[in-house]
Amino acid sequence: MTTYSEEDFADSRFTHGERVRVLLRHPTYGHVMGEAEGTCAARERDVEFETPDGQMRTKTLVWLKNMSGYKKPHPNLPDQTKEVEEAWFAEEALRKMEADPLDGVSFN
């Protein structure tokens, strides 16, 4: 079982247990569709993944718990959404709760 701690955030601008905002972007076009909030629970650097167009990328991911305002399509009910309380996000999508120097900056 993998465990996470404050050391995971040693080189991050966020801290373990910090409440943050997360920008919710359109999966294809990348524009911001909304925001949610969550608490930083874990962080993993250099996670490799494949984009929908088949390119390989590497990002730092942060696991947010105790989320509010994040809904995903319901897996069993068409046209319905389901509240999600925890999920992994790219660290670049996170923002400080108050004004953040990266507000208005896009990494797409």
PDB file of N, CA and C in Angstrom:
ATOM      1  N   MET A   1       0.843  -1.181   0.000  1.00  0.00           N
ATOM      2  CA  MET A   1       0.000   0.000   0.000  1.00  0.00           C
ATOM      3  C   MET A   1       0.890   1.247   0.000  1.00  0.00           C
ATOM      4  N   THR A   2       0.608   2.166  -0.894  1.00  0.00           N
ATOM      5  CA  THR A   2       1.363   3.407  -0.978  1.00  0.00           C
ATOM      6  C   THR A   2       0.848   4.382   0.070  1.00  0.00           C
ATOM      7  N   THR A   3       1.764   5.039   0.766  1.00  0.00           N
ATOM      8  CA  THR A   3       1.367   6.062   1.727  1.00  0.00           C
ATOM      9  C   THR A   3       1.905   7.406   1.253  1.00  0.00           C
ATOM     10  N   TYR A   4       1.248   8.473   1.648  1.00  0.00           N
ATOM     11  CA  TYR A   4       1.618   9.816   1.229  1.00  0.00           C
ATOM     12  C   TYR A   4       1.818  10.679   2.465  1.00  0.00           C
ATOM     13  N   SER A   5       2.675  11.698   2.311  1.00  0.00           N
ATOM     14  CA  SER A   5       2.974  12.547   3.458  1.00  0.00           C
ATOM     15  C   SER A   5       3.349  13.955   3.004  1.00  0.00           C
ATOM     16  N   GLU A   6       3.687  14.779   3.972  1.00  0.00           N
ATOM     17  CA  GLU A   6       4.102  16.150   3.700  1.00  0.00           C
ATOM     18  C   GLU A   6       5.334  16.196   2.799  1.00  0.00           C
ATOM     19  N   GLU A   7       6.204  15.182   2.878  1.00  0.00           N
ATOM     20  CA  GLU A   7       7.418  15.161   2.064  1.00  0.00           C
ATOM     21  C   GLU A   7       7.108  15.133   0.571  1.00  0.00           C
ATOM     22  N   ASP A   8       5.947  14.604   0.186  1.00  0.00           N
ATOM     23  CA  ASP A   8       5.563  14.581  -1.228  1.00  0.00           C
ATOM     24  C   ASP A   8       5.449  15.994  -1.794  1.00  0.00           C
ATOM     25  N   PHE A   9       5.217  16.971  -0.926  1.00  0.00           N
ATOM     26  CA  PHE A   9       4.999  18.349  -1.346  1.00  0.00           C
ATOM     27  C   PHE A   9       6.228  19.233  -1.128  1.00  0.00           C
ATOM     28  N   ALA A  10       7.398  18.631  -0.853  1.00  0.00           N
ATOM     29  CA  ALA A  10       8.602  19.386  -0.514  1.00  0.00           C
ATOM     30  C   ALA A  10       8.979  20.412  -1.585  1.00  0.00           C
ATOM     31  N   ASP A  11       8.787  20.088  -2.869  1.00  0.00           N
ATOM     32  CA  ASP A  11       9.152  21.023  -3.936  1.00  0.00           C
ATOM     33  C   ASP A  11       7.924  21.587  -4.651  1.00  0.00           C
ATOM     34  N   SER A  12       6.803  21.618  -3.958  1.00  0.00           N
ATOM     35  CA  SER A  12       5.547  22.134  -4.503  1.00  0.00           C
ATOM     36  C   SER A  12       5.211  23.482  -3.873  1.00  0.00           C
ATOM     37  N   ARG A  13       4.390  24.263  -4.553  1.00  0.00           N
ATOM     38  CA  ARG A  13       3.912  25.511  -3.948  1.00  0.00           C
ATOM     39  C   ARG A  13       2.687  25.273  -3.072  1.00  0.00           C
ATOM     40  N   PHE A  14       2.250  24.011  -3.001  1.00  0.00           N
ATOM     41  CA  PHE A  14       1.132  23.611  -2.155  1.00  0.00           C
ATOM     42  C   PHE A  14       1.650  22.726  -1.029  1.00  0.00           C
ATOM     43  N   THR A  15       0.849  22.580   0.017  1.00  0.00           N
ATOM     44  CA  THR A  15       1.251  21.750   1.140  1.00  0.00           C
ATOM     45  C   THR A  15       0.230  20.634   1.368  1.00  0.00           C
ATOM     46  N   HIS A  16       0.697  19.572   1.988  1.00  0.00           N
ATOM     47  CA  HIS A  16      -0.170  18.466   2.359  1.00  0.00           C
ATOM     48  C   HIS A  16      -1.239  18.995   3.303  1.00  0.00           C
ATOM     49  N   GLY A  17      -2.515  18.745   2.997  1.00  0.00           N
ATOM     50  CA  GLY A  17      -3.617  19.204   3.837  1.00  0.00           C
ATOM     51  C   GLY A  17      -4.142  20.583   3.488  1.00  0.00           C
ATOM     52  N   GLU A  18      -3.517  21.256   2.522  1.00  0.00           N
ATOM     53  CA  GLU A  18      -3.964  22.600   2.134  1.00  0.00           C
ATOM     54  C   GLU A  18      -5.240  22.512   1.297  1.00  0.00           C
ATOM     55  N   ARG A  19      -6.177  23.408   1.573  1.00  0.00           N
ATOM     56  CA  ARG A  19      -7.415  23.512   0.790  1.00  0.00           C
ATOM     57  C   ARG A  19      -7.115  24.367  -0.436  1.00  0.00           C
ATOM     58  N   VAL A  20      -7.468  23.879  -1.634  1.00  0.00           N
ATOM     59  CA  VAL A  20      -7.161  24.574  -2.878  1.00  0.00           C
ATOM     60  C   VAL A  20      -8.374  24.602  -3.801  1.00  0.00           C
ATOM     61  N   ARG A  21      -8.294  25.460  -4.805  1.00  0.00           N
ATOM     62  CA  ARG A  21      -9.266  25.466  -5.903  1.00  0.00           C
ATOM     63  C   ARG A  21      -8.645  24.654  -7.041  1.00  0.00           C
ATOM     64  N   VAL A  22      -9.475  24.011  -7.833  1.00  0.00           N
ATOM     65  CA  VAL A  22      -8.992  23.313  -9.021  1.00  0.00           C
ATOM     66  C   VAL A  22      -9.809  23.792 -10.215  1.00  0.00           C
ATOM     67  N   LEU A  23      -9.101  24.127 -11.296  1.00  0.00           N
ATOM     68  CA  LEU A  23      -9.766  24.550 -12.520  1.00  0.00           C
ATOM     69  C   LEU A  23     -10.240  23.315 -13.273  1.00  0.00           C
ATOM     70  N   LEU A  24     -11.512  23.293 -13.615  1.00  0.00           N
ATOM     71  CA  LEU A  24     -12.097  22.173 -14.352  1.00  0.00           C
ATOM     72  C   LEU A  24     -12.135  22.555 -15.826  1.00  0.00           C
ATOM     73  N   ARG A  25     -11.315  21.893 -16.620  1.00  0.00           N
ATOM     74  CA  ARG A  25     -11.158  22.228 -18.029  1.00  0.00           C
ATOM     75  C   ARG A  25     -11.897  21.233 -18.930  1.00  0.00           C
ATOM     76  N   HIS A  26     -12.308  21.728 -20.091  1.00  0.00           N
ATOM     77  CA  HIS A  26     -12.920  20.869 -21.098  1.00  0.00           C
ATOM     78  C   HIS A  26     -11.868  19.851 -21.544  1.00  0.00           C
ATOM     79  N   PRO A  27     -12.208  18.551 -21.586  1.00  0.00           N
ATOM     80  CA  PRO A  27     -11.205  17.533 -21.893  1.00  0.00           C
ATOM     81  C   PRO A  27     -10.617  17.624 -23.303  1.00  0.00           C
ATOM     82  N   THR A  28     -11.345  18.183 -24.242  1.00  0.00           N
ATOM     83  CA  THR A  28     -10.849  18.274 -25.615  1.00  0.00           C
ATOM     84  C   THR A  28     -10.268  19.646 -25.933  1.00  0.00           C
ATOM     85  N   TYR A  29     -10.981  20.703 -25.556  1.00  0.00           N
ATOM     86  CA  TYR A  29     -10.595  22.050 -25.975  1.00  0.00           C
ATOM     87  C   TYR A  29      -9.792  22.810 -24.935  1.00  0.00           C
ATOM     88  N   GLY A  30      -9.814  22.390 -23.686  1.00  0.00           N
ATOM     89  CA  GLY A  30      -8.956  22.960 -22.654  1.00  0.00           C
ATOM     90  C   GLY A  30      -9.441  24.221 -21.976  1.00  0.00           C
ATOM     91  N   HIS A  31     -10.571  24.775 -22.396  1.00  0.00           N
ATOM     92  CA  HIS A  31     -11.038  25.998 -21.733  1.00  0.00           C
ATOM     93  C   HIS A  31     -11.628  25.664 -20.354  1.00  0.00           C
ATOM     94  N   VAL A  32     -11.554  26.638 -19.441  1.00  0.00           N
ATOM     95  CA  VAL A  32     -12.048  26.440 -18.079  1.00  0.00           C
ATOM     96  C   VAL A  32     -13.575  26.435 -18.095  1.00  0.00           C
ATOM     97  N   MET A  33     -14.143  25.365 -17.547  1.00  0.00           N
ATOM     98  CA  MET A  33     -15.595  25.214 -17.497  1.00  0.00           C
ATOM     99  C   MET A  33     -16.148  25.474 -16.104  1.00  0.00           C
ATOM    100  N   GLY A  34     -15.272  25.532 -15.100  1.00  0.00           N
ATOM    101  CA  GLY A  34     -15.719  25.755 -13.745  1.00  0.00           C
ATOM    102  C   GLY A  34     -14.580  25.528 -12.768  1.00  0.00           C
ATOM    103  N   GLU A  35     -14.914  25.601 -11.493  1.00  0.00           N
ATOM    104  CA  GLU A  35     -13.938  25.362 -10.429  1.00  0.00           C
ATOM    105  C   GLU A  35     -14.565  24.471  -9.373  1.00  0.00           C
ATOM    106  N   ALA A  36     -13.715  23.754  -8.665  1.00  0.00           N
ATOM    107  CA  ALA A  36     -14.122  22.966  -7.510  1.00  0.00           C
ATOM    108  C   ALA A  36     -13.082  23.221  -6.428  1.00  0.00           C
ATOM    109  N   GLU A  37     -13.315  22.674  -5.256  1.00  0.00           N
ATOM    110  CA  GLU A  37     -12.368  22.804  -4.147  1.00  0.00           C
ATOM    111  C   GLU A  37     -12.044  21.421  -3.610  1.00  0.00           C
ATOM    112  N   GLY A  38     -10.847  21.303  -3.053  1.00  0.00           N
ATOM    113  CA  GLY A  38     -10.447  20.047  -2.440  1.00  0.00           C
ATOM    114  C   GLY A  38      -9.242  20.255  -1.543  1.00  0.00           C
ATOM    115  N   THR A  39      -8.901  19.224  -0.799  1.00  0.00           N
ATOM    116  CA  THR A  39      -7.767  19.253   0.125  1.00  0.00           C
ATOM    117  C   THR A  39      -6.660  18.374  -0.433  1.00  0.00           C
ATOM    118  N   CYS A  40      -5.446  18.913  -0.503  1.00  0.00           N
ATOM    119  CA  CYS A  40      -4.289  18.179  -1.034  1.00  0.00           C
ATOM    120  C   CYS A  40      -3.971  16.991  -0.123  1.00  0.00           C
ATOM    121  N   ALA A  41      -4.053  15.785  -0.684  1.00  0.00           N
ATOM    122  CA  ALA A  41      -3.832  14.579   0.104  1.00  0.00           C
ATOM    123  C   ALA A  41      -2.578  13.824  -0.325  1.00  0.00           C
ATOM    124  N   ALA A  42      -2.193  13.943  -1.591  1.00  0.00           N
ATOM    125  CA  ALA A  42      -1.024  13.219  -2.095  1.00  0.00           C
ATOM    126  C   ALA A  42      -0.524  13.905  -3.353  1.00  0.00           C
ATOM    127  N   ARG A  43       0.724  13.601  -3.691  1.00  0.00           N
ATOM    128  CA  ARG A  43       1.340  14.192  -4.882  1.00  0.00           C
ATOM    129  C   ARG A  43       2.319  13.188  -5.477  1.00  0.00           C
ATOM    130  N   GLU A  44       2.232  13.027  -6.803  1.00  0.00           N
ATOM    131  CA  GLU A  44       3.164  12.145  -7.508  1.00  0.00           C
ATOM    132  C   GLU A  44       3.733  12.875  -8.708  1.00  0.00           C
ATOM    133  N   ARG A  45       5.075  12.914  -8.777  1.00  0.00           N
ATOM    134  CA  ARG A  45       5.761  13.578  -9.889  1.00  0.00           C
ATOM    135  C   ARG A  45       5.984  12.594 -11.032  1.00  0.00           C
ATOM    136  N   ASP A  46       6.105  13.173 -12.223  1.00  0.00           N
ATOM    137  CA  ASP A  46       6.489  12.415 -13.423  1.00  0.00           C
ATOM    138  C   ASP A  46       5.568  11.239 -13.734  1.00  0.00           C
ATOM    139  N   VAL A  47       4.270  11.477 -13.670  1.00  0.00           N
ATOM    140  CA  VAL A  47       3.296  10.446 -14.030  1.00  0.00           C
ATOM    141  C   VAL A  47       3.090  10.516 -15.542  1.00  0.00           C
ATOM    142  N   GLU A  48       3.330   9.416 -16.224  1.00  0.00           N
ATOM    143  CA  GLU A  48       3.206   9.368 -17.679  1.00  0.00           C
ATOM    144  C   GLU A  48       1.800   8.917 -18.057  1.00  0.00           C
ATOM    145  N   PHE A  49       1.226   9.576 -19.078  1.00  0.00           N
ATOM    146  CA  PHE A  49      -0.106   9.222 -19.545  1.00  0.00           C
ATOM    147  C   PHE A  49      -0.206   9.503 -21.034  1.00  0.00           C
ATOM    148  N   GLU A  50      -1.226   8.925 -21.649  1.00  0.00           N
ATOM    149  CA  GLU A  50      -1.456   9.120 -23.078  1.00  0.00           C
ATOM    150  C   GLU A  50      -2.635  10.056 -23.279  1.00  0.00           C
ATOM    151  N   THR A  51      -2.466  11.064 -24.153  1.00  0.00           N
ATOM    152  CA  THR A  51      -3.533  12.006 -24.466  1.00  0.00           C
ATOM    153  C   THR A  51      -4.527  11.341 -25.421  1.00  0.00           C
ATOM    154  N   PRO A  52      -5.730  11.917 -25.563  1.00  0.00           N
ATOM    155  CA  PRO A  52      -6.711  11.317 -26.482  1.00  0.00           C
ATOM    156  C   PRO A  52      -6.194  11.185 -27.926  1.00  0.00           C
ATOM    157  N   ASP A  53      -5.248  12.052 -28.316  1.00  0.00           N
ATOM    158  CA  ASP A  53      -4.725  11.962 -29.686  1.00  0.00           C
ATOM    159  C   ASP A  53      -3.493  11.059 -29.786  1.00  0.00           C
ATOM    160  N   GLY A  54      -3.184  10.316 -28.715  1.00  0.00           N
ATOM    161  CA  GLY A  54      -2.128   9.318 -28.757  1.00  0.00           C
ATOM    162  C   GLY A  54      -0.732   9.784 -28.371  1.00  0.00           C
ATOM    163  N   GLN A  55      -0.578  11.026 -27.952  1.00  0.00           N
ATOM    164  CA  GLN A  55       0.735  11.515 -27.529  1.00  0.00           C
ATOM    165  C   GLN A  55       0.990  11.146 -26.070  1.00  0.00           C
ATOM    166  N   MET A  56       2.240  10.873 -25.748  1.00  0.00           N
ATOM    167  CA  MET A  56       2.619  10.585 -24.367  1.00  0.00           C
ATOM    168  C   MET A  56       3.060  11.885 -23.701  1.00  0.00           C
ATOM    169  N   ARG A  57       2.616  12.108 -22.476  1.00  0.00           N
ATOM    170  CA  ARG A  57       2.983  13.287 -21.691  1.00  0.00           C
ATOM    171  C   ARG A  57       3.306  12.866 -20.269  1.00  0.00           C
ATOM    172  N   THR A  58       3.998  13.765 -19.570  1.00  0.00           N
ATOM    173  CA  THR A  58       4.334  13.540 -18.172  1.00  0.00           C
ATOM    174  C   THR A  58       3.894  14.764 -17.379  1.00  0.00           C
ATOM    175  N   LYS A  59       3.226  14.540 -16.255  1.00  0.00           N
ATOM    176  CA  LYS A  59       2.770  15.636 -15.396  1.00  0.00           C
ATOM    177  C   LYS A  59       2.912  15.240 -13.936  1.00  0.00           C
ATOM    178  N   THR A  60       2.885  16.262 -13.091  1.00  0.00           N
ATOM    179  CA  THR A  60       2.801  16.050 -11.653  1.00  0.00           C
ATOM    180  C   THR A  60       1.330  16.070 -11.284  1.00  0.00           C
ATOM    181  N   LEU A  61       0.878  15.041 -10.574  1.00  0.00           N
ATOM    182  CA  LEU A  61      -0.526  14.932 -10.189  1.00  0.00           C
ATOM    183  C   LEU A  61      -0.679  15.099  -8.685  1.00  0.00           C
ATOM    184  N   VAL A  62      -1.801  15.708  -8.297  1.00  0.00           N
ATOM    185  CA  VAL A  62      -2.135  15.888  -6.887  1.00  0.00           C
ATOM    186  C   VAL A  62      -3.502  15.261  -6.658  1.00  0.00           C
ATOM    187  N   TRP A  63      -3.586  14.449  -5.605  1.00  0.00           N
ATOM    188  CA  TRP A  63      -4.838  13.808  -5.224  1.00  0.00           C
ATOM    189  C   TRP A  63      -5.569  14.738  -4.265  1.00  0.00           C
ATOM    190  N   LEU A  64      -6.765  15.161  -4.664  1.00  0.00           N
ATOM    191  CA  LEU A  64      -7.592  16.013  -3.820  1.00  0.00           C
ATOM    192  C   LEU A  64      -8.684  15.175  -3.176  1.00  0.00           C
ATOM    193  N   LYS A  65      -8.877  15.384  -1.884  1.00  0.00           N
ATOM    194  CA  LYS A  65      -9.930  14.710  -1.124  1.00  0.00           C
ATOM    195  C   LYS A  65     -10.884  15.769  -0.582  1.00  0.00           C
ATOM    196  N   ASN A  66     -11.991  15.324  -0.023  1.00  0.00           N
ATOM    197  CA  ASN A  66     -12.991  16.227   0.571  1.00  0.00           C
ATOM    198  C   ASN A  66     -13.390  17.311  -0.419  1.00  0.00           C
ATOM    199  N   MET A  67     -13.631  16.897  -1.654  1.00  0.00           N
ATOM    200  CA  MET A  67     -13.949  17.852  -2.714  1.00  0.00           C
ATOM    201  C   MET A  67     -15.385  18.353  -2.608  1.00  0.00           C
ATOM    202  N   SER A  68     -15.575  19.563  -3.100  1.00  0.00           N
ATOM    203  CA  SER A  68     -16.916  20.114  -3.269  1.00  0.00           C
ATOM    204  C   SER A  68     -16.964  20.806  -4.624  1.00  0.00           C
ATOM    205  N   GLY A  69     -18.092  20.660  -5.296  1.00  0.00           N
ATOM    206  CA  GLY A  69     -18.281  21.308  -6.587  1.00  0.00           C
ATOM    207  C   GLY A  69     -17.769  20.538  -7.789  1.00  0.00           C
ATOM    208  N   TYR A  70     -17.396  19.266  -7.610  1.00  0.00           N
ATOM    209  CA  TYR A  70     -16.884  18.481  -8.738  1.00  0.00           C
ATOM    210  C   TYR A  70     -17.868  17.364  -9.063  1.00  0.00           C
ATOM    211  N   LYS A  71     -18.414  17.425 -10.265  1.00  0.00           N
ATOM    212  CA  LYS A  71     -19.351  16.402 -10.726  1.00  0.00           C
ATOM    213  C   LYS A  71     -18.845  15.839 -12.039  1.00  0.00           C
ATOM    214  N   LYS A  72     -19.022  14.527 -12.193  1.00  0.00           N
ATOM    215  CA  LYS A  72     -18.653  13.832 -13.424  1.00  0.00           C
ATOM    216  C   LYS A  72     -19.897  13.156 -13.977  1.00  0.00           C
ATOM    217  N   PRO A  73     -19.869  12.814 -15.265  1.00  0.00           N
ATOM    218  CA  PRO A  73     -21.012  12.061 -15.798  1.00  0.00           C
ATOM    219  C   PRO A  73     -21.213  10.776 -15.011  1.00  0.00           C
ATOM    220  N   HIS A  74     -22.459  10.469 -14.715  1.00  0.00           N
ATOM    221  CA  HIS A  74     -22.788   9.254 -13.960  1.00  0.00           C
ATOM    222  C   HIS A  74     -22.495   8.039 -14.843  1.00  0.00           C
ATOM    223  N   PRO A  75     -21.797   7.022 -14.303  1.00  0.00           N
ATOM    224  CA  PRO A  75     -21.421   5.870 -15.125  1.00  0.00           C
ATOM    225  C   PRO A  75     -22.594   5.016 -15.595  1.00  0.00           C
ATOM    226  N   ASN A  76     -23.724   5.077 -14.883  1.00  0.00           N
ATOM    227  CA  ASN A  76     -24.847   4.194 -15.214  1.00  0.00           C
ATOM    228  C   ASN A  76     -26.108   4.923 -15.669  1.00  0.00           C
ATOM    229  N   LEU A  77     -26.164   6.244 -15.499  1.00  0.00           N
ATOM    230  CA  LEU A  77     -27.371   6.988 -15.846  1.00  0.00           C
ATOM    231  C   LEU A  77     -27.040   8.062 -16.886  1.00  0.00           C
ATOM    232  N   PRO A  78     -27.494   7.876 -18.133  1.00  0.00           N
ATOM    233  CA  PRO A  78     -27.216   8.873 -19.167  1.00  0.00           C
ATOM    234  C   PRO A  78     -27.768  10.243 -18.786  1.00  0.00           C
ATOM    235  N   ASP A  79     -27.051  11.283 -19.160  1.00  0.00           N
ATOM    236  CA  ASP A  79     -27.454  12.679 -18.915  1.00  0.00           C
ATOM    237  C   ASP A  79     -27.566  13.024 -17.431  1.00  0.00           C
ATOM    238  N   GLN A  80     -26.943  12.233 -16.568  1.00  0.00           N
ATOM    239  CA  GLN A  80     -26.930  12.511 -15.133  1.00  0.00           C
ATOM    240  C   GLN A  80     -25.482  12.695 -14.681  1.00  0.00           C
ATOM    241  N   THR A  81     -25.300  13.445 -13.606  1.00  0.00           N
ATOM    242  CA  THR A  81     -23.959  13.609 -13.054  1.00  0.00           C
ATOM    243  C   THR A  81     -23.911  13.020 -11.651  1.00  0.00           C
ATOM    244  N   LYS A  82     -22.691  12.812 -11.191  1.00  0.00           N
ATOM    245  CA  LYS A  82     -22.469  12.227  -9.873  1.00  0.00           C
ATOM    246  C   LYS A  82     -21.419  13.075  -9.162  1.00  0.00           C
ATOM    247  N   GLU A  83     -21.710  13.482  -7.937  1.00  0.00           N
ATOM    248  CA  GLU A  83     -20.759  14.243  -7.128  1.00  0.00           C
ATOM    249  C   GLU A  83     -19.545  13.362  -6.826  1.00  0.00           C
ATOM    250  N   VAL A  84     -18.352  13.909  -7.020  1.00  0.00           N
ATOM    251  CA  VAL A  84     -17.109  13.184  -6.773  1.00  0.00           C
ATOM    252  C   VAL A  84     -16.398  13.844  -5.595  1.00  0.00           C
ATOM    253  N   GLU A  85     -15.972  13.052  -4.611  1.00  0.00           N
ATOM    254  CA  GLU A  85     -15.352  13.604  -3.406  1.00  0.00           C
ATOM    255  C   GLU A  85     -13.839  13.540  -3.409  1.00  0.00           C
ATOM    256  N   GLU A  86     -13.246  12.786  -4.358  1.00  0.00           N
ATOM    257  CA  GLU A  86     -11.787  12.728  -4.445  1.00  0.00           C
ATOM    258  C   GLU A  86     -11.388  12.370  -5.866  1.00  0.00           C
ATOM    259  N   ALA A  87     -10.258  12.938  -6.305  1.00  0.00           N
ATOM    260  CA  ALA A  87      -9.777  12.682  -7.667  1.00  0.00           C
ATOM    261  C   ALA A  87      -8.357  13.215  -7.809  1.00  0.00           C
ATOM    262  N   TRP A  88      -7.642  12.703  -8.824  1.00  0.00           N
ATOM    263  CA  TRP A  88      -6.308  13.192  -9.166  1.00  0.00           C
ATOM    264  C   TRP A  88      -6.432  14.299 -10.203  1.00  0.00           C
ATOM    265  N   PHE A  89      -5.619  15.354 -10.044  1.00  0.00           N
ATOM    266  CA  PHE A  89      -5.585  16.468 -10.993  1.00  0.00           C
ATOM    267  C   PHE A  89      -4.137  16.852 -11.266  1.00  0.00           C
ATOM    268  N   ALA A  90      -3.892  17.395 -12.462  1.00  0.00           N
ATOM    269  CA  ALA A  90      -2.575  17.948 -12.762  1.00  0.00           C
ATOM    270  C   ALA A  90      -2.318  19.110 -11.808  1.00  0.00           C
ATOM    271  N   GLU A  91      -1.125  19.161 -11.241  1.00  0.00           N
ATOM    272  CA  GLU A  91      -0.797  20.221 -10.285  1.00  0.00           C
ATOM    273  C   GLU A  91      -0.980  21.605 -10.898  1.00  0.00           C
ATOM    274  N   GLU A  92      -0.745  21.731 -12.191  1.00  0.00           N
ATOM    275  CA  GLU A  92      -0.883  23.035 -12.850  1.00  0.00           C
ATOM    276  C   GLU A  92      -2.329  23.543 -12.857  1.00  0.00           C
ATOM    277  N   ALA A  93      -3.307  22.669 -12.594  1.00  0.00           N
ATOM    278  CA  ALA A  93      -4.713  23.085 -12.544  1.00  0.00           C
ATOM    279  C   ALA A  93      -5.104  23.626 -11.171  1.00  0.00           C
ATOM    280  N   LEU A  94      -4.220  23.474 -10.181  1.00  0.00           N
ATOM    281  CA  LEU A  94      -4.541  23.917  -8.822  1.00  0.00           C
ATOM    282  C   LEU A  94      -4.240  25.388  -8.633  1.00  0.00           C
ATOM    283  N   ARG A  95      -5.034  26.021  -7.786  1.00  0.00           N
ATOM    284  CA  ARG A  95      -4.847  27.430  -7.443  1.00  0.00           C
ATOM    285  C   ARG A  95      -5.034  27.595  -5.943  1.00  0.00           C
ATOM    286  N   LYS A  96      -4.349  28.582  -5.375  1.00  0.00           N
ATOM    287  CA  LYS A  96      -4.527  28.933  -3.970  1.00  0.00           C
ATOM    288  C   LYS A  96      -5.969  29.391  -3.775  1.00  0.00           C
ATOM    289  N   MET A  97      -6.482  29.267  -2.571  1.00  0.00           N
ATOM    290  CA  MET A  97      -7.874  29.644  -2.295  1.00  0.00           C
ATOM    291  C   MET A  97      -8.102  31.131  -2.519  1.00  0.00           C
ATOM    292  N   GLU A  98      -7.179  31.942  -2.056  1.00  0.00           N
ATOM    293  CA  GLU A  98      -7.294  33.386  -2.286  1.00  0.00           C
ATOM    294  C   GLU A  98      -6.670  33.694  -3.643  1.00  0.00           C
ATOM    295  N   ALA A  99      -6.464  34.946  -3.958  1.00  0.00           N
ATOM    296  CA  ALA A  99      -5.868  35.317  -5.249  1.00  0.00           C
ATOM    297  C   ALA A  99      -4.562  34.547  -5.457  1.00  0.00           C
ATOM    298  N   ASP A 100      -4.430  33.995  -6.633  1.00  0.00           N
ATOM    299  CA  ASP A 100      -3.264  33.176  -6.974  1.00  0.00           C
ATOM    300  C   ASP A 100      -2.539  33.829  -8.141  1.00  0.00           C
ATOM    301  N   PRO A 101      -1.204  33.865  -8.108  1.00  0.00           N
ATOM    302  CA  PRO A 101      -0.467  34.485  -9.222  1.00  0.00           C
ATOM    303  C   PRO A 101      -0.726  33.821 -10.570  1.00  0.00           C
ATOM    304  N   LEU A 102      -1.207  32.581 -10.571  1.00  0.00           N
ATOM    305  CA  LEU A 102      -1.474  31.885 -11.828  1.00  0.00           C
ATOM    306  C   LEU A 102      -2.905  32.043 -12.309  1.00  0.00           C
ATOM    307  N   ASP A 103      -3.746  32.777 -11.585  1.00  0.00           N
ATOM    308  CA  ASP A 103      -5.115  33.026 -12.070  1.00  0.00           C
ATOM    309  C   ASP A 103      -5.026  33.690 -13.433  1.00  0.00           C
ATOM    310  N   GLY A 104      -5.764  33.154 -14.397  1.00  0.00           N
ATOM    311  CA  GLY A 104      -5.776  33.710 -15.752  1.00  0.00           C
ATOM    312  C   GLY A 104      -4.697  33.157 -16.666  1.00  0.00           C
ATOM    313  N   VAL A 105      -3.804  32.307 -16.157  1.00  0.00           N
ATOM    314  CA  VAL A 105      -2.747  31.715 -16.970  1.00  0.00           C
ATOM    315  C   VAL A 105      -3.203  30.345 -17.457  1.00  0.00           C
ATOM    316  N   SER A 106      -2.983  30.040 -18.735  1.00  0.00           N
ATOM    317  CA  SER A 106      -3.349  28.738 -19.288  1.00  0.00           C
ATOM    318  C   SER A 106      -2.097  27.975 -19.661  1.00  0.00           C
ATOM    319  N   PHE A 107      -2.071  26.668 -19.348  1.00  0.00           N
ATOM    320  CA  PHE A 107      -0.938  25.823 -19.681  1.00  0.00           C
ATOM    321  C   PHE A 107      -1.240  24.928 -20.885  1.00  0.00           C
ATOM    322  N   ASN A 108      -2.377  25.105 -21.544  1.00  0.00           N
ATOM    323  CA  ASN A 108      -2.725  24.267 -22.719  1.00  0.00           C
ATOM    324  C   ASN A 108      -2.100  24.830 -23.951  1.00  0.00           C
TER     325      ASN A 108
END
